[in-house]
C-alpha atoms as a PDB file:
ATOM      1  CA  MET A   1      -0.217  61.844   6.349  1.00  0.00           C
ATOM      2  CA  GLU A   2      -2.339  64.019   4.036  1.00  0.00           C
ATOM      3  CA  ASP A   3       0.728  64.877   2.007  1.00  0.00           C
ATOM      4  CA  LYS A   4       1.588  61.118   1.686  1.00  0.00           C
ATOM      5  CA  LYS A   5      -2.040  60.285   0.309  1.00  0.00           C
ATOM      6  CA  LYS A   6      -1.818  63.300  -2.242  1.00  0.00           C
ATOM      7  CA  ASP A   7       1.692  62.248  -3.338  1.00  0.00           C
ATOM      8  CA  TRP A   8       0.365  58.613  -3.947  1.00  0.00           C
ATOM      9  CA  ALA A   9      -3.022  59.704  -5.634  1.00  0.00           C
ATOM     10  CA  SER A  10      -0.653  61.722  -8.145  1.00  0.00           C
ATOM     11  CA  ARG A  11       1.539  58.508  -8.760  1.00  0.00           C
ATOM     12  CA  ARG A  12      -1.363  56.457  -9.161  1.00  0.00           C
ATOM     13  CA  LYS A  13      -3.008  58.921 -11.586  1.00  0.00           C
ATOM     14  CA  PHE A  14       0.272  58.969 -13.803  1.00  0.00           C
ATOM     15  CA  ILE A  15       0.576  55.355 -13.936  1.00  0.00           C
ATOM     16  CA  LEU A  16      -3.033  54.896 -15.047  1.00  0.00           C
ATOM     17  CA  GLN A  17      -2.774  57.534 -17.857  1.00  0.00           C
ATOM     18  CA  SER A  18       0.584  56.503 -18.878  1.00  0.00           C
ATOM     19  CA  GLY A  19      -0.669  52.838 -19.410  1.00  0.00           C
ATOM     20  CA  LEU A  20       2.094  51.333 -17.384  1.00  0.00           C
ATOM     21  CA  ALA A  21      -0.450  49.500 -15.156  1.00  0.00           C
ATOM     22  CA  VAL A  22      -2.168  47.915 -18.092  1.00  0.00           C
ATOM     23  CA  VAL A  23       1.164  46.583 -19.213  1.00  0.00           C
ATOM     24  CA  ALA A  24       2.591  45.412 -16.061  1.00  0.00           C
ATOM     25  CA  ILE A  25      -0.156  43.355 -14.479  1.00  0.00           C
ATOM     26  CA  PRO A  26      -0.526  41.001 -17.429  1.00  0.00           C
ATOM     27  CA  PHE A  27       3.092  40.261 -17.646  1.00  0.00           C
ATOM     28  CA  THR A  28       3.073  39.609 -13.856  1.00  0.00           C
ATOM     29  CA  GLN A  29       0.286  37.124 -14.374  1.00  0.00           C
ATOM     30  CA  ILE A  30       1.601  35.376 -17.438  1.00  0.00           C
ATOM     31  CA  SER A  31       5.044  35.026 -15.589  1.00  0.00           C
ATOM     32  CA  CYS A  32       3.596  33.379 -12.596  1.00  0.00           C
ATOM     33  CA  GLN A  33       1.487  31.079 -14.786  1.00  0.00           C
ATOM     34  CA  ASN A  34       4.173  29.935 -17.019  1.00  0.00           C
ATOM     35  CA  SER A  35       6.322  29.119 -13.899  1.00  0.00           C
ATOM     36  CA  ASN A  36       3.334  27.236 -11.994  1.00  0.00           C
ATOM     37  CA  GLU A  37       2.676  25.243 -15.314  1.00  0.00           C
ATOM     38  CA  ARG A  38       6.195  24.105 -15.849  1.00  0.00           C
ATOM     39  CA  LYS A  39       6.429  23.268 -12.091  1.00  0.00           C
ATOM     40  CA  ALA A  40       3.319  21.146 -12.593  1.00  0.00           C
ATOM     41  CA  ILE A  41       4.723  19.655 -15.591  1.00  0.00           C
ATOM     42  CA  GLU A  42       7.729  18.620 -14.006  1.00  0.00           C
ATOM     43  CA  GLU A  43       6.084  16.918 -11.065  1.00  0.00           C
ATOM     44  CA  ASN A  44       3.656  15.251 -13.221  1.00  0.00           C
ATOM     45  CA  GLU A  45       6.376  13.783 -15.218  1.00  0.00           C
ATOM     46  CA  ASP A  46       8.336  12.098 -12.368  1.00  0.00           C
ATOM     47  CA  SER A  47       6.208  12.521  -9.262  1.00  0.00           C
ATOM     48  CA  PHE A  48       3.358  10.221  -7.990  1.00  0.00           C
ATOM     49  CA  GLU A  49       1.800   8.891  -4.910  1.00  0.00           C
ATOM     50  CA  PHE A  50       0.274   5.588  -3.757  1.00  0.00           C
ATOM     51  CA  ALA A  51      -1.014   4.051  -0.612  1.00  0.00           C
ATOM     52  CA  PHE A  52      -0.197   0.842   0.757  1.00  0.00           C
ATOM     53  CA  LEU A  53      -2.952  -0.895   3.105  1.00  0.00           C
ATOM     54  CA  THR A  54      -2.169  -4.092   4.637  1.00  0.00           C
ATOM     55  CA  ASP A  55      -3.999  -6.727   6.841  1.00  0.00           C
ATOM     56  CA  ILE A  56      -7.346  -5.474   6.397  1.00  0.00           C
ATOM     57  CA  HIS A  57      -9.027  -8.694   7.783  1.00  0.00           C
ATOM     58  CA  ILE A  58     -12.460  -7.832   6.363  1.00  0.00           C
ATOM     59  CA  LYS A  59     -15.545  -9.746   7.985  1.00  0.00           C
ATOM     60  CA  PRO A  60     -19.289  -8.650   8.579  1.00  0.00           C
ATOM     61  CA  GLU A  61     -18.456  -8.652  12.443  1.00  0.00           C
ATOM     62  CA  MET A  62     -16.910  -6.167  14.553  1.00  0.00           C
ATOM     63  CA  ASN A  63     -18.043  -3.171  12.327  1.00  0.00           C
ATOM     64  CA  ALA A  64     -15.295  -4.216  10.065  1.00  0.00           C
ATOM     65  CA  PRO A  65     -16.897  -2.924   6.994  1.00  0.00           C
ATOM     66  CA  LYS A  66     -17.486   0.419   8.617  1.00  0.00           C
ATOM     67  CA  GLY A  67     -13.851   0.746   9.614  1.00  0.00           C
ATOM     68  CA  PHE A  68     -12.516  -0.355   6.054  1.00  0.00           C
ATOM     69  CA  GLN A  69     -14.813   2.093   4.532  1.00  0.00           C
ATOM     70  CA  MET A  70     -13.427   4.908   6.644  1.00  0.00           C
ATOM     71  CA  ALA A  71      -9.874   3.860   5.286  1.00  0.00           C
ATOM     72  CA  ILE A  72     -11.279   3.784   1.744  1.00  0.00           C
ATOM     73  CA  ASP A  73     -12.644   7.319   2.363  1.00  0.00           C
ATOM     74  CA  LYS A  74      -9.216   8.443   3.713  1.00  0.00           C
ATOM     75  CA  VAL A  75      -7.405   7.318   0.686  1.00  0.00           C
ATOM     76  CA  ASN A  76      -9.818   8.894  -1.691  1.00  0.00           C
ATOM     77  CA  GLU A  77      -9.331  11.987   0.153  1.00  0.00           C
ATOM     78  CA  LEU A  78      -5.501  11.700  -0.335  1.00  0.00           C
ATOM     79  CA  LYS A  79      -5.996  10.960  -4.241  1.00  0.00           C
ATOM     80  CA  PRO A  80      -2.921   8.643  -4.636  1.00  0.00           C
ATOM     81  CA  ASP A  81      -2.321   7.428  -8.107  1.00  0.00           C
ATOM     82  CA  PHE A  82      -3.020   3.699  -7.016  1.00  0.00           C
ATOM     83  CA  VAL A  83      -3.220   1.365  -4.237  1.00  0.00           C
ATOM     84  CA  LEU A  84      -1.374  -1.614  -3.044  1.00  0.00           C
ATOM     85  CA  THR A  85      -2.528  -4.015  -0.705  1.00  0.00           C
ATOM     86  CA  GLY A  86      -0.312  -6.282   1.549  1.00  0.00           C
ATOM     87  CA  GLY A  87      -2.140  -9.481   1.923  1.00  0.00           C
ATOM     88  CA  ASP A  88      -4.708 -10.772   4.519  1.00  0.00           C
ATOM     89  CA  LEU A  89      -7.647  -8.977   2.673  1.00  0.00           C
ATOM     90  CA  VAL A  90     -10.064 -11.263   4.611  1.00  0.00           C
ATOM     91  CA  TYR A  91     -10.592 -12.939   7.877  1.00  0.00           C
ATOM     92  CA  ASP A  92     -10.524 -15.914   7.070  1.00  0.00           C
ATOM     93  CA  THR A  93     -10.585 -18.583   4.533  1.00  0.00           C
ATOM     94  CA  MET A  94      -8.048 -21.018   5.721  1.00  0.00           C
ATOM     95  CA  ARG A  95     -10.395 -23.221   7.666  1.00  0.00           C
ATOM     96  CA  GLY A  96     -12.511 -23.706   4.518  1.00  0.00           C
ATOM     97  CA  ASN A  97     -16.307 -23.381   4.314  1.00  0.00           C
ATOM     98  CA  PHE A  98     -16.940 -22.515   0.789  1.00  0.00           C
ATOM     99  CA  ASP A  99     -19.964 -20.324   1.049  1.00  0.00           C
ATOM    100  CA  GLN A 100     -18.530 -18.227   3.899  1.00  0.00           C
ATOM    101  CA  SER A 101     -15.245 -17.861   2.330  1.00  0.00           C
ATOM    102  CA  GLU A 102     -16.757 -16.756  -1.108  1.00  0.00           C
ATOM    103  CA  SER A 103     -19.028 -14.107   0.912  1.00  0.00           C
ATOM    104  CA  LEU A 104     -15.936 -12.682   2.318  1.00  0.00           C
ATOM    105  CA  PHE A 105     -13.894 -12.359  -0.801  1.00  0.00           C
ATOM    106  CA  THR A 106     -17.186 -10.958  -2.213  1.00  0.00           C
ATOM    107  CA  LEU A 107     -17.600  -8.344   0.492  1.00  0.00           C
ATOM    108  CA  TYR A 108     -13.870  -7.238   0.183  1.00  0.00           C
ATOM    109  CA  LYS A 109     -14.270  -6.924  -3.857  1.00  0.00           C
ATOM    110  CA  ASN A 110     -17.524  -4.959  -3.628  1.00  0.00           C
ATOM    111  CA  MET A 111     -16.085  -2.519  -0.974  1.00  0.00           C
ATOM    112  CA  CYS A 112     -13.069  -1.997  -3.048  1.00  0.00           C
ATOM    113  CA  LYS A 113     -15.124  -0.493  -5.909  1.00  0.00           C
ATOM    114  CA  GLY A 114     -15.339   2.624  -3.659  1.00  0.00           C
ATOM    115  CA  PHE A 115     -11.705   3.493  -4.379  1.00  0.00           C
ATOM    116  CA  ASN A 116     -11.345   6.079  -6.978  1.00  0.00           C
ATOM    117  CA  MET A 117      -8.353   4.535  -8.185  1.00  0.00           C
ATOM    118  CA  PRO A 118      -6.838   1.195  -9.260  1.00  0.00           C
ATOM    119  CA  VAL A 119      -5.977  -1.364  -6.563  1.00  0.00           C
ATOM    120  CA  TYR A 120      -3.280  -3.995  -6.637  1.00  0.00           C
ATOM    121  CA  ASN A 121      -3.745  -6.934  -4.408  1.00  0.00           C
ATOM    122  CA  CYS A 122      -1.359  -9.265  -2.657  1.00  0.00           C
ATOM    123  CA  ILE A 123      -2.016 -12.543  -1.290  1.00  0.00           C
ATOM    124  CA  GLY A 124      -1.764 -13.466   2.609  1.00  0.00           C
ATOM    125  CA  ASN A 125      -2.052 -16.391   4.800  1.00  0.00           C
ATOM    126  CA  HIS A 126      -5.856 -15.898   5.750  1.00  0.00           C
ATOM    127  CA  ASP A 127      -6.572 -15.594   1.940  1.00  0.00           C
ATOM    128  CA  LEU A 128      -5.591 -19.326   1.386  1.00  0.00           C
ATOM    129  CA  PHE A 129      -8.688 -21.212   1.014  1.00  0.00           C
ATOM    130  CA  ALA A 130      -9.157 -24.613   2.995  1.00  0.00           C
ATOM    131  CA  ILE A 131      -5.726 -25.369   3.994  1.00  0.00           C
ATOM    132  CA  TYR A 132      -6.185 -26.237   7.729  1.00  0.00           C
ATOM    133  CA  GLU A 133      -6.990 -29.880   8.656  1.00  0.00           C
ATOM    134  CA  GLU A 134     -10.409 -28.798   9.995  1.00  0.00           C
ATOM    135  CA  SER A 135     -11.481 -27.524   6.490  1.00  0.00           C
ATOM    136  CA  PRO A 136     -14.595 -29.541   5.180  1.00  0.00           C
ATOM    137  CA  GLU A 137     -13.027 -28.844   1.763  1.00  0.00           C
ATOM    138  CA  SER A 138     -10.058 -31.232   0.890  1.00  0.00           C
ATOM    139  CA  GLU A 139      -6.986 -30.596  -1.300  1.00  0.00           C
ATOM    140  CA  ASP A 140      -8.910 -31.986  -4.334  1.00  0.00           C
ATOM    141  CA  HIS A 141     -11.404 -28.804  -4.215  1.00  0.00           C
ATOM    142  CA  PRO A 142     -10.730 -26.585  -7.114  1.00  0.00           C
ATOM    143  CA  ASP A 143     -10.655 -23.376  -5.008  1.00  0.00           C
ATOM    144  CA  TYR A 144      -7.904 -25.016  -2.666  1.00  0.00           C
ATOM    145  CA  LYS A 145      -5.194 -23.006  -1.367  1.00  0.00           C
ATOM    146  CA  TYR A 146      -4.498 -20.217  -4.193  1.00  0.00           C
ATOM    147  CA  GLY A 147      -7.790 -21.178  -6.208  1.00  0.00           C
ATOM    148  CA  MET A 148     -10.367 -18.923  -4.707  1.00  0.00           C
ATOM    149  CA  TRP A 149      -7.803 -15.867  -5.016  1.00  0.00           C
ATOM    150  CA  GLU A 150      -6.915 -16.757  -8.468  1.00  0.00           C
ATOM    151  CA  ARG A 151     -10.571 -16.892  -9.454  1.00  0.00           C
ATOM    152  CA  HIS A 152     -11.290 -13.632  -7.855  1.00  0.00           C
ATOM    153  CA  PHE A 153      -8.091 -11.659  -8.500  1.00  0.00           C
ATOM    154  CA  GLY A 154      -5.996 -13.389 -10.899  1.00  0.00           C
ATOM    155  CA  ASP A 155      -2.411 -14.364 -10.706  1.00  0.00           C
ATOM    156  CA  THR A 156      -0.786 -14.288  -6.896  1.00  0.00           C
ATOM    157  CA  TYR A 157       2.432 -12.698  -8.340  1.00  0.00           C
ATOM    158  CA  TYR A 158       2.825 -10.357 -11.137  1.00  0.00           C
ATOM    159  CA  SER A 159       4.309  -6.961 -11.991  1.00  0.00           C
ATOM    160  CA  PHE A 160       3.585  -3.664 -13.545  1.00  0.00           C
ATOM    161  CA  ASP A 161       5.302  -0.362 -14.293  1.00  0.00           C
ATOM    162  CA  HIS A 162       4.274   3.218 -13.211  1.00  0.00           C
ATOM    163  CA  LYS A 163       6.108   6.487 -14.264  1.00  0.00           C
ATOM    164  CA  GLY A 164       9.387   4.752 -14.544  1.00  0.00           C
ATOM    165  CA  TRP A 165       9.408   2.533 -11.562  1.00  0.00           C
ATOM    166  CA  HIS A 166       8.749  -1.279 -11.772  1.00  0.00           C
ATOM    167  CA  PHE A 167       6.517  -2.648  -9.007  1.00  0.00           C
ATOM    168  CA  ILE A 168       6.527  -6.574  -8.329  1.00  0.00           C
ATOM    169  CA  THR A 169       3.874  -8.262  -5.876  1.00  0.00           C
ATOM    170  CA  LEU A 170       5.070 -11.582  -4.862  1.00  0.00           C
ATOM    171  CA  ASN A 171       3.337 -14.582  -3.243  1.00  0.00           C
ATOM    172  CA  SER A 172       5.256 -15.474   0.089  1.00  0.00           C
ATOM    173  CA  LEU A 173       3.043 -18.405   1.067  1.00  0.00           C
ATOM    174  CA  ASP A 174       2.828 -22.063   0.681  1.00  0.00           C
ATOM    175  CA  VAL A 175       1.386 -24.962   2.674  1.00  0.00           C
ATOM    176  CA  THR A 176       3.253 -27.563   4.847  1.00  0.00           C
ATOM    177  CA  GLU A 177       2.779 -31.294   4.889  1.00  0.00           C
ATOM    178  CA  ASN A 178       1.013 -30.914   8.068  1.00  0.00           C
ATOM    179  CA  LYS A 179      -1.479 -28.390   6.552  1.00  0.00           C
ATOM    180  CA  ARG A 180      -0.044 -25.186   8.074  1.00  0.00           C
ATOM    181  CA  TYR A 181       1.099 -22.075   6.099  1.00  0.00           C
ATOM    182  CA  GLN A 182       4.767 -21.196   5.649  1.00  0.00           C
ATOM    183  CA  GLY A 183       6.420 -18.225   4.435  1.00  0.00           C
ATOM    184  CA  THR A 184       8.381 -19.146   1.131  1.00  0.00           C
ATOM    185  CA  PHE A 185       8.736 -18.239  -2.425  1.00  0.00           C
ATOM    186  CA  HIS A 186       8.135 -21.463  -4.482  1.00  0.00           C
ATOM    187  CA  ASP A 187      10.543 -22.308  -7.354  1.00  0.00           C
ATOM    188  CA  LYS A 188       8.058 -21.509 -10.220  1.00  0.00           C
ATOM    189  CA  GLN A 189       7.682 -17.890  -9.031  1.00  0.00           C
ATOM    190  CA  LEU A 190      11.319 -17.459  -8.612  1.00  0.00           C
ATOM    191  CA  ALA A 191      11.782 -18.586 -12.153  1.00  0.00           C
ATOM    192  CA  TRP A 192       9.151 -16.269 -13.382  1.00  0.00           C
ATOM    193  CA  LEU A 193      10.989 -13.330 -11.197  1.00  0.00           C
ATOM    194  CA  ARG A 194      14.367 -14.181 -13.128  1.00  0.00           C
ATOM    195  CA  GLU A 195      12.434 -13.705 -16.219  1.00  0.00           C
ATOM    196  CA  ASP A 196      10.690 -10.477 -15.278  1.00  0.00           C
ATOM    197  CA  ILE A 197      13.528  -8.811 -13.968  1.00  0.00           C
ATOM    198  CA  ALA A 198      15.803  -9.574 -16.921  1.00  0.00           C
ATOM    199  CA  LYS A 199      13.562  -7.280 -19.033  1.00  0.00           C
ATOM    200  CA  VAL A 200      14.006  -4.541 -16.535  1.00  0.00           C
ATOM    201  CA  ASP A 201      16.757  -1.941 -17.070  1.00  0.00           C
ATOM    202  CA  LYS A 202      19.319  -2.021 -14.028  1.00  0.00           C
ATOM    203  CA  ASP A 203      18.752   1.622 -13.184  1.00  0.00           C
ATOM    204  CA  THR A 204      14.940   1.350 -12.942  1.00  0.00           C
ATOM    205  CA  PRO A 205      13.720   1.811  -9.336  1.00  0.00           C
ATOM    206  CA  ILE A 206      12.038  -1.324  -8.139  1.00  0.00           C
ATOM    207  CA  ILE A 207       9.518  -1.906  -5.262  1.00  0.00           C
ATOM    208  CA  ILE A 208       8.576  -5.470  -4.022  1.00  0.00           C
ATOM    209  CA  THR A 209       5.373  -6.132  -2.313  1.00  0.00           C
ATOM    210  CA  THR A 210       4.605  -9.378  -0.230  1.00  0.00           C
ATOM    211  CA  HIS A 211       2.628 -10.387   2.763  1.00  0.00           C
ATOM    212  CA  ILE A 212       5.165 -12.307   4.926  1.00  0.00           C
ATOM    213  CA  PRO A 213       8.028  -9.979   5.788  1.00  0.00           C
ATOM    214  CA  MET A 214      11.400 -10.595   4.031  1.00  0.00           C
ATOM    215  CA  ILE A 215      13.181  -8.778   6.633  1.00  0.00           C
ATOM    216  CA  CYS A 216      11.629  -8.279  10.335  1.00  0.00           C
ATOM    217  CA  THR A 217      13.142  -7.438  13.816  1.00  0.00           C
ATOM    218  CA  TYR A 218      10.234  -9.132  15.570  1.00  0.00           C
ATOM    219  CA  SER A 219      11.887 -12.342  16.593  1.00  0.00           C
ATOM    220  CA  GLN A 220      14.888 -10.360  17.702  1.00  0.00           C
ATOM    221  CA  LEU A 221      12.664  -8.117  20.083  1.00  0.00           C
ATOM    222  CA  ASN A 222      10.430 -11.027  21.357  1.00  0.00           C
ATOM    223  CA  GLY A 223      12.525 -13.932  21.414  1.00  0.00           C
ATOM    224  CA  SER A 224      10.326 -15.951  19.418  1.00  0.00           C
ATOM    225  CA  GLU A 225      10.395 -18.130  16.154  1.00  0.00           C
ATOM    226  CA  GLY A 226       7.709 -19.053  13.698  1.00  0.00           C
ATOM    227  CA  SER A 227       6.488 -17.716  10.482  1.00  0.00           C
ATOM    228  CA  ARG A 228       7.614 -13.976  10.795  1.00  0.00           C
ATOM    229  CA  THR A 229       9.833 -13.991   7.703  1.00  0.00           C
ATOM    230  CA  VAL A 230      10.085 -15.740   4.361  1.00  0.00           C
ATOM    231  CA  ASN A 231      12.439 -18.681   4.629  1.00  0.00           C
ATOM    232  CA  ASN A 232      14.115 -18.168   1.339  1.00  0.00           C
ATOM    233  CA  ALA A 233      13.906 -14.307   0.919  1.00  0.00           C
ATOM    234  CA  SER A 234      17.615 -14.258   0.297  1.00  0.00           C
ATOM    235  CA  ASP A 235      16.733 -15.957  -3.012  1.00  0.00           C
ATOM    236  CA  VAL A 236      14.816 -13.046  -4.212  1.00  0.00           C
ATOM    237  CA  PHE A 237      17.555 -10.544  -3.073  1.00  0.00           C
ATOM    238  CA  LYS A 238      20.240 -12.512  -5.265  1.00  0.00           C
ATOM    239  CA  ILE A 239      17.857 -12.363  -8.282  1.00  0.00           C
ATOM    240  CA  LEU A 240      17.747  -8.712  -7.735  1.00  0.00           C
ATOM    241  CA  GLU A 241      21.570  -8.340  -7.141  1.00  0.00           C
ATOM    242  CA  GLY A 242      22.658  -5.388  -9.291  1.00  0.00           C
ATOM    243  CA  HIS A 243      19.332  -3.865  -9.905  1.00  0.00           C
ATOM    244  CA  ASN A 244      17.774  -0.835  -8.329  1.00  0.00           C
ATOM    245  CA  LEU A 245      15.735  -2.093  -5.561  1.00  0.00           C
ATOM    246  CA  LYS A 246      14.494   0.785  -3.466  1.00  0.00           C
ATOM    247  CA  LEU A 247      11.903  -0.495  -1.137  1.00  0.00           C
ATOM    248  CA  VAL A 248      10.359  -3.801   0.246  1.00  0.00           C
ATOM    249  CA  LEU A 249       6.674  -3.503   1.422  1.00  0.00           C
ATOM    250  CA  GLN A 250       5.215  -6.165   3.675  1.00  0.00           C
ATOM    251  CA  GLY A 251       2.556  -6.871   6.203  1.00  0.00           C
ATOM    252  CA  HIS A 252       1.455  -9.798   8.355  1.00  0.00           C
ATOM    253  CA  ILE A 253       2.841  -8.575  11.744  1.00  0.00           C
ATOM    254  CA  HIS A 254       0.421  -5.599  12.287  1.00  0.00           C
ATOM    255  CA  TRP A 255       2.941  -3.355  13.240  1.00  0.00           C
ATOM    256  CA  LYS A 256       4.946  -0.351  11.712  1.00  0.00           C
ATOM    257  CA  GLU A 257       8.710  -1.071  11.058  1.00  0.00           C
ATOM    258  CA  TYR A 258      11.161   0.784   8.823  1.00  0.00           C
ATOM    259  CA  GLY A 259      14.920  -0.081   7.850  1.00  0.00           C
ATOM    260  CA  PHE A 260      17.626   1.042   5.336  1.00  0.00           C
ATOM    261  CA  ILE A 261      19.800  -1.711   4.617  1.00  0.00           C
ATOM    262  CA  ASN A 262      23.462  -0.926   4.262  1.00  0.00           C
ATOM    263  CA  ASP A 263      22.532   1.947   1.915  1.00  0.00           C
ATOM    264  CA  ARG A 264      21.199  -0.411  -0.609  1.00  0.00           C
ATOM    265  CA  PHE A 265      17.439  -0.664  -0.133  1.00  0.00           C
ATOM    266  CA  HIS A 266      14.586   0.241   2.457  1.00  0.00           C
ATOM    267  CA  PHE A 267      12.033  -2.043   3.978  1.00  0.00           C
ATOM    268  CA  LEU A 268       8.708  -0.975   5.610  1.00  0.00           C
ATOM    269  CA  THR A 269       6.091  -3.064   7.567  1.00  0.00           C
ATOM    270  CA  GLY A 270       3.165  -1.276   6.984  1.00  0.00           C
ATOM    271  CA  GLY A 271       1.067  -1.586  10.270  1.00  0.00           C
ATOM    272  CA  SER A 272      -2.746  -2.791   9.986  1.00  0.00           C
ATOM    273  CA  ILE A 273      -5.922  -1.754   8.885  1.00  0.00           C
ATOM    274  CA  ALA A 274      -7.679  -3.907  11.325  1.00  0.00           C
ATOM    275  CA  GLY A 275      -5.197  -3.666  14.190  1.00  0.00           C
ATOM    276  CA  ASN A 276      -6.068  -6.501  16.686  1.00  0.00           C
ATOM    277  CA  GLY A 277      -8.942  -8.135  14.920  1.00  0.00           C
ATOM    278  CA  TRP A 278     -10.889  -4.767  14.786  1.00  0.00           C
ATOM    279  CA  LYS A 279     -10.844  -4.821  18.543  1.00  0.00           C
ATOM    280  CA  GLY A 280      -7.894  -2.523  19.152  1.00  0.00           C
ATOM    281  CA  ARG A 281      -4.251  -1.909  18.538  1.00  0.00           C
ATOM    282  CA  ARG A 282      -1.881  -4.695  18.269  1.00  0.00           C
ATOM    283  CA  HIS A 283       1.740  -4.566  19.376  1.00  0.00           C
ATOM    284  CA  ASN A 284       0.744  -0.869  20.356  1.00  0.00           C
ATOM    285  CA  THR A 285       0.610  -0.034  16.504  1.00  0.00           C
ATOM    286  CA  LYS A 286      -2.487   2.158  15.721  1.00  0.00           C
ATOM    287  CA  GLU A 287      -4.586   1.137  12.870  1.00  0.00           C
ATOM    288  CA  GLY A 288      -3.701   2.868   9.547  1.00  0.00           C
ATOM    289  CA  PHE A 289      -1.814   2.595   6.368  1.00  0.00           C
ATOM    290  CA  VAL A 290       1.259   4.019   4.430  1.00  0.00           C
ATOM    291  CA  ARG A 291       1.248   6.945   2.075  1.00  0.00           C
ATOM    292  CA  ILE A 292       4.081   6.806  -0.091  1.00  0.00           C
ATOM    293  CA  ARG A 293       5.298   9.966  -2.176  1.00  0.00           C
ATOM    294  CA  VAL A 294       7.606   9.143  -5.111  1.00  0.00           C
ATOM    295  CA  SER A 295       9.863  11.979  -6.891  1.00  0.00           C
ATOM    296  CA  GLY A 296      12.437  10.995  -9.316  1.00  0.00           C
ATOM    297  CA  ASN A 297      14.522   8.255  -8.022  1.00  0.00           C
ATOM    298  CA  ASP A 298      13.472   8.911  -4.336  1.00  0.00           C
ATOM    299  CA  PHE A 299      10.601   8.364  -2.023  1.00  0.00           C
ATOM    300  CA  SER A 300       9.210   9.581   1.356  1.00  0.00           C
ATOM    301  CA  TRP A 301       6.429   7.841   3.529  1.00  0.00           C
ATOM    302  CA  GLU A 302       4.226   8.626   6.337  1.00  0.00           C
ATOM    303  CA  TYR A 303       1.581   6.559   8.376  1.00  0.00           C
ATOM    304  CA  ILE A 304      -1.918   7.523   8.225  1.00  0.00           C
ATOM    305  CA  ASP A 305      -4.422   7.219  10.806  1.00  0.00           C
ATOM    306  CA  HIS A 306      -7.682   6.494   9.109  1.00  0.00           C
ATOM    307  CA  GLY A 307      -9.660   7.263  12.335  1.00  0.00           C
ATOM    308  CA  TRP A 308     -10.625   3.739  13.446  1.00  0.00           C
ATOM    309  CA  GLU A 309      -9.691   3.985  16.920  1.00  0.00           C
ATOM    310  CA  ALA A 310     -11.562   7.033  17.824  1.00  0.00           C
ATOM    311  CA  GLU A 311     -14.807   5.597  16.180  1.00  0.00           C
ATOM    312  CA  ARG A 312     -14.099   2.011  17.736  1.00  0.00           C
ATOM    313  CA  LEU A 313     -14.026   3.849  21.160  1.00  0.00           C
ATOM    314  CA  LYS A 314     -17.082   5.833  20.504  1.00  0.00           C
ATOM    315  CA  LEU A 315     -19.005   2.830  19.124  1.00  0.00           C
ATOM    316  CA  ALA A 316     -17.941   0.830  22.278  1.00  0.00           C
ATOM    317  CA  GLU A 317     -19.387   3.737  24.626  1.00  0.00           C
ATOM    318  CA  ASN A 318     -22.712   3.686  22.699  1.00  0.00           C
ATOM    319  CA  ASN A 319     -22.635  -0.491  22.933  1.00  0.00           C
ATOM    320  CA  ILE A 320     -22.929  -0.311  19.164  1.00  0.00           C
END
């Protein structure tokens, strides 16, 4: 053992005296730095992340602001490029009452200032103002149906581009003659979509966000009918035929569902921030949101628990 120590000491002395150590260390560091920098540049050019939060149902009751703040904090911790929402931001404005509805949208907007990145919103059925028969406001009110949303957030359908991907947010809602909501894409929006998609290169990856699902297995699993899917979703798929549709993001059902259609495109129903009205799970889906990582022409996703279930149970134990 002593001979080995002497041998290593002699070799170390030779290296130091010869200057080889001084030369070797900097070159090693430079080589690693260049490699890491190249990797970072490549990732920054075509890679990004975003979060998809749907069915937030913000309201003052049931500790909803506390739960939503937990989701905001979790998103900020993950540091995505931006946030997409999937509708039903508040609960709710369908039954009218201007002052109450206005306060809900104001609460949501103020809380969204806590995100450290841009937020792109989607309209849900609970975000339609005064559409129900019992509403004290009538169809003549300037905020009726989409009006309150548009005043707070702008257009109910729009598109934007990010790092080579084209994002389209659609309004999947209208009102029936008997004063109920229905899942449909109205004609004016479909005309806009044709114009929008005509400007997009056919190789560009596309992501659609909407509230009412365009594709969903709920009725097949539960044997029920109703407003579970958009009644003319096929019109949108026909408009996008020949384009590089990658993913449809949707909400409304408060459950987590994923599918891949005939090697063409994926769909993802993104659970819910609020669960069953902030009272627990709905359809046994834990409260949470979707984190999506994009690299080049591909993406991956995971469902993120923002911790509300554990917090809710703790608050219930303490009668808060």
